[in-house]
Amino acid sequence: MVMQGWTEFRTHVLPWLLAGAVIGLMAVQENERTARLNELLLRQAQSLESVHILLSTQGFISPPISPTGGTGSPSVGLGFR
């Protein structure tokens, strides 16, 4: 009787418990990865803004930084005033 219970648990319940644990760990890792990516994206935007300001103080004309992304080559629109 005990052996049947263990076999039943091992074949029907244990796989679901393990799958739930794996999915839970994957969700935690995804949240951490998303937070890190967001942090890096913000740092990149700050760096890009700094370069934009530096170029404009040195007399270069650059296209405005668009939050939706660029439309082509990054060199388009660069030049002297």
C-alpha atoms as a PDB file:
ATOM      1  CA  MET A   1       0.000   0.000   0.000  1.00  0.00           C
ATOM      2  CA  VAL A   2       2.762   2.451   0.897  1.00  0.00           C
ATOM      3  CA  MET A   3       4.659   1.530  -2.239  1.00  0.00           C
ATOM      4  CA  GLN A   4       1.604   2.270  -4.391  1.00  0.00           C
ATOM      5  CA  GLY A   5       1.280   5.691  -2.754  1.00  0.00           C
ATOM      6  CA  TRP A   6       4.941   6.490  -3.390  1.00  0.00           C
ATOM      7  CA  THR A   7       4.683   5.347  -6.998  1.00  0.00           C
ATOM      8  CA  GLU A   8       1.544   7.419  -7.500  1.00  0.00           C
ATOM      9  CA  PHE A   9       3.228  10.486  -5.981  1.00  0.00           C
ATOM     10  CA  ARG A  10       6.431   9.966  -7.965  1.00  0.00           C
ATOM     11  CA  THR A  11       4.688   9.553 -11.309  1.00  0.00           C
ATOM     12  CA  HIS A  12       1.818  12.067 -11.014  1.00  0.00           C
ATOM     13  CA  VAL A  13       2.580  14.751  -8.420  1.00  0.00           C
ATOM     14  CA  LEU A  14       6.373  15.108  -8.326  1.00  0.00           C
ATOM     15  CA  PRO A  15       6.774  16.087 -12.007  1.00  0.00           C
ATOM     16  CA  TRP A  16       4.262  18.925 -11.540  1.00  0.00           C
ATOM     17  CA  LEU A  17       6.030  20.157  -8.407  1.00  0.00           C
ATOM     18  CA  LEU A  18       9.383  20.147 -10.187  1.00  0.00           C
ATOM     19  CA  ALA A  19       7.946  21.896 -13.229  1.00  0.00           C
ATOM     20  CA  GLY A  20       6.403  24.577 -11.010  1.00  0.00           C
ATOM     21  CA  ALA A  21       9.738  25.141  -9.252  1.00  0.00           C
ATOM     22  CA  VAL A  22      11.602  25.441 -12.560  1.00  0.00           C
ATOM     23  CA  ILE A  23       9.051  27.902 -13.960  1.00  0.00           C
ATOM     24  CA  GLY A  24       9.221  29.945 -10.753  1.00  0.00           C
ATOM     25  CA  LEU A  25      13.010  30.175 -10.977  1.00  0.00           C
ATOM     26  CA  MET A  26      12.817  31.131 -14.641  1.00  0.00           C
ATOM     27  CA  ALA A  27      10.343  33.926 -13.837  1.00  0.00           C
ATOM     28  CA  VAL A  28      12.641  35.331 -11.138  1.00  0.00           C
ATOM     29  CA  GLN A  29      15.622  35.267 -13.497  1.00  0.00           C
ATOM     30  CA  GLU A  30      13.592  36.979 -16.240  1.00  0.00           C
ATOM     31  CA  ASN A  31      12.579  39.771 -13.851  1.00  0.00           C
ATOM     32  CA  GLU A  32      16.212  40.297 -12.794  1.00  0.00           C
ATOM     33  CA  ARG A  33      17.381  40.296 -16.406  1.00  0.00           C
ATOM     34  CA  THR A  34      14.683  42.801 -17.398  1.00  0.00           C
ATOM     35  CA  ALA A  35      15.618  45.127 -14.526  1.00  0.00           C
ATOM     36  CA  ARG A  36      19.321  44.966 -15.488  1.00  0.00           C
ATOM     37  CA  LEU A  37      18.513  45.638 -19.145  1.00  0.00           C
ATOM     38  CA  ASN A  38      16.394  48.647 -18.176  1.00  0.00           C
ATOM     39  CA  GLU A  39      19.269  50.007 -16.070  1.00  0.00           C
ATOM     40  CA  LEU A  40      21.731  49.582 -18.948  1.00  0.00           C
ATOM     41  CA  LEU A  41      19.332  51.204 -21.401  1.00  0.00           C
ATOM     42  CA  LEU A  42      18.969  54.257 -19.152  1.00  0.00           C
ATOM     43  CA  ARG A  43      22.761  54.511 -18.805  1.00  0.00           C
ATOM     44  CA  GLN A  44      23.127  54.302 -22.590  1.00  0.00           C
ATOM     45  CA  ALA A  45      20.554  57.067 -23.070  1.00  0.00           C
ATOM     46  CA  GLN A  46      22.433  59.296 -20.612  1.00  0.00           C
ATOM     47  CA  SER A  47      25.704  58.647 -22.443  1.00  0.00           C
ATOM     48  CA  LEU A  48      24.104  59.409 -25.787  1.00  0.00           C
ATOM     49  CA  GLU A  49      22.701  62.657 -24.433  1.00  0.00           C
ATOM     50  CA  SER A  50      26.177  63.596 -23.142  1.00  0.00           C
ATOM     51  CA  VAL A  51      27.717  62.948 -26.562  1.00  0.00           C
ATOM     52  CA  HIS A  52      24.931  64.945 -28.206  1.00  0.00           C
ATOM     53  CA  ILE A  53      25.618  67.914 -25.902  1.00  0.00           C
ATOM     54  CA  LEU A  54      29.384  67.645 -26.404  1.00  0.00           C
ATOM     55  CA  LEU A  55      29.045  67.627 -30.189  1.00  0.00           C
ATOM     56  CA  SER A  56      26.713  70.608 -30.148  1.00  0.00           C
ATOM     57  CA  THR A  57      29.129  72.628 -27.992  1.00  0.00           C
ATOM     58  CA  GLN A  58      31.886  71.944 -30.525  1.00  0.00           C
ATOM     59  CA  GLY A  59      29.842  73.227 -33.444  1.00  0.00           C
ATOM     60  CA  PHE A  60      28.409  70.036 -34.868  1.00  0.00           C
ATOM     61  CA  ILE A  61      24.788  69.793 -35.881  1.00  0.00           C
ATOM     62  CA  SER A  62      23.192  66.482 -35.040  1.00  0.00           C
ATOM     63  CA  PRO A  63      19.638  65.279 -35.427  1.00  0.00           C
ATOM     64  CA  PRO A  64      17.489  65.433 -32.297  1.00  0.00           C
ATOM     65  CA  ILE A  65      17.457  62.301 -30.194  1.00  0.00           C
ATOM     66  CA  SER A  66      14.198  60.540 -30.875  1.00  0.00           C
ATOM     67  CA  PRO A  67      12.730  58.329 -28.134  1.00  0.00           C
ATOM     68  CA  THR A  68      11.201  56.055 -30.790  1.00  0.00           C
ATOM     69  CA  GLY A  69      14.508  55.310 -32.501  1.00  0.00           C
ATOM     70  CA  GLY A  70      16.396  56.536 -35.512  1.00  0.00           C
ATOM     71  CA  THR A  71      15.547  56.221 -39.164  1.00  0.00           C
ATOM     72  CA  GLY A  72      18.881  55.381 -40.714  1.00  0.00           C
ATOM     73  CA  SER A  73      22.590  55.941 -40.555  1.00  0.00           C
ATOM     74  CA  PRO A  74      23.845  57.664 -37.391  1.00  0.00           C
ATOM     75  CA  SER A  75      25.975  60.005 -39.526  1.00  0.00           C
ATOM     76  CA  VAL A  76      22.964  61.533 -41.270  1.00  0.00           C
ATOM     77  CA  GLY A  77      22.613  65.178 -40.281  1.00  0.00           C
ATOM     78  CA  LEU A  78      26.089  65.610 -38.777  1.00  0.00           C
ATOM     79  CA  GLY A  79      28.045  68.600 -39.986  1.00  0.00           C
ATOM     80  CA  PHE A  80      29.313  72.063 -39.081  1.00  0.00           C
ATOM     81  CA  ARG A  81      27.082  75.035 -38.448  1.00  0.00           C
END
